[in-house]
Protein backbone atom coordinates (compact mmCIF):
# COMPACT_ATOMS: atom_id res chain seq x y z
CA MET A 1 -158.30 -270.40 53.22
CA PRO A 2 -161.03 -272.91 54.98
CA TYR A 3 -160.50 -273.30 58.74
CA ILE A 4 -159.72 -276.87 60.11
CA ARG A 5 -160.08 -278.25 63.69
CA LEU A 6 -157.60 -279.97 65.03
CA ALA A 7 -159.87 -283.07 65.31
CA GLU A 8 -159.92 -282.86 61.92
CA TYR A 9 -156.24 -283.11 61.72
CA ALA A 10 -156.19 -285.68 64.16
CA ARG A 11 -158.48 -287.65 61.64
CA LEU A 12 -156.74 -287.15 59.12
CA CYS A 13 -153.59 -288.86 60.63
CA ALA A 14 -155.77 -291.79 61.93
CA ARG A 15 -155.32 -290.69 65.39
CA SER A 16 -157.83 -289.88 68.28
CA LEU A 17 -157.29 -286.25 69.44
CA SER A 18 -155.78 -286.97 72.72
CA SER A 19 -152.97 -289.22 71.10
CA PHE A 20 -152.68 -286.64 68.20
CA LYS A 21 -151.63 -283.50 70.77
CA ALA A 22 -149.50 -285.86 72.72
CA ASP A 23 -147.58 -287.06 69.61
CA PHE A 24 -147.46 -283.50 68.07
CA TYR A 25 -146.38 -282.08 71.21
CA GLU A 26 -143.78 -284.63 71.70
CA ILE A 27 -142.17 -283.84 68.22
CA TYR A 28 -142.26 -280.06 67.97
CA LYS A 29 -142.41 -279.36 71.58
CA ILE A 30 -145.41 -277.13 71.19
CA ASN A 31 -149.24 -277.74 71.36
CA PRO A 32 -150.82 -278.23 67.67
CA GLY A 33 -153.10 -275.03 68.59
CA LYS A 34 -150.15 -272.66 69.72
CA TRP A 35 -148.22 -273.95 66.27
CA LEU A 36 -151.14 -273.34 64.25
CA ILE A 37 -151.47 -269.69 65.41
CA HIS A 38 -148.17 -268.71 64.95
CA LYS A 39 -148.17 -270.42 61.26
CA ARG A 40 -151.20 -268.24 60.66
CA LEU A 41 -149.55 -265.17 62.29
CA GLU A 42 -146.29 -265.65 59.89
CA TYR A 43 -148.41 -265.95 57.09
CA ALA A 44 -150.35 -262.69 58.09
CA LYS A 45 -147.02 -261.07 58.71
CA PHE A 46 -146.14 -262.14 55.02
CA LEU A 47 -149.14 -260.81 53.80
CA ILE A 48 -148.93 -257.36 55.43
CA GLU A 49 -145.08 -256.97 54.42
CA THR A 50 -145.64 -258.02 50.90
CA THR A 51 -149.33 -256.98 49.54
CA ASP A 52 -151.33 -253.76 49.94
CA LYS A 53 -154.15 -256.08 51.52
CA ALA A 54 -157.21 -254.47 53.72
CA ILE A 55 -156.25 -256.07 57.50
CA ASN A 56 -159.86 -257.41 57.43
CA ASP A 57 -159.17 -259.47 54.46
CA VAL A 58 -155.41 -260.72 55.88
CA THR A 59 -157.79 -261.69 59.03
CA PHE A 60 -159.64 -263.81 57.18
CA GLU A 61 -157.05 -265.02 54.47
CA SER A 62 -154.60 -266.04 56.93
CA GLY A 63 -157.24 -267.92 58.71
CA PHE A 64 -158.52 -265.93 61.90
CA LYS A 65 -162.23 -265.63 62.34
CA ASN A 66 -162.35 -262.02 64.16
CA THR A 67 -160.10 -259.16 63.45
CA SER A 68 -160.20 -258.03 66.83
CA HIS A 69 -158.82 -260.82 67.65
CA PHE A 70 -156.13 -260.87 65.00
CA VAL A 71 -154.79 -257.61 65.77
CA ARG A 72 -154.58 -258.42 69.53
CA THR A 73 -152.81 -261.73 68.80
CA PHE A 74 -150.62 -259.63 66.02
CA LYS A 75 -149.75 -257.40 68.35
CA ASP A 76 -148.42 -259.87 71.04
CA ALA A 77 -146.57 -261.79 68.96
CA TYR A 78 -144.89 -258.77 67.14
CA GLY A 79 -145.31 -255.85 69.34
CA ASN A 80 -147.21 -253.73 66.96
CA PRO A 81 -150.56 -253.99 65.47
CA PRO A 82 -150.51 -255.04 61.90
CA LEU A 83 -151.56 -251.61 60.80
CA HIS A 84 -148.50 -250.29 62.04
CA HIS A 85 -146.35 -252.92 61.56
CA ARG A 86 -147.10 -252.05 57.64
CA MET A 87 -146.26 -248.79 57.84
CA ALA A 88 -143.26 -249.33 59.78
CA VAL A 89 -141.83 -251.85 57.02
CA SER A 90 -142.83 -249.30 54.23
């Protein structure tokens, strides 16, 4: 999954980055960076629960660049690191 920066999303919407962020927040009540992380985590959780892919593969496929950052972010969001989460749902 290629990583797209927020500036590219803004360009695709024909908006400046600041107006894109402001409009996005007005509609979704969350900033676009946090929204993207949330969506990446949801996809990673889906992969962990439905595949036997290695955590490193899940990290990169879900759009994270660094496995340790992914594990920490996943644990903050779901209470357990990805591997423990996989074992709990098995």
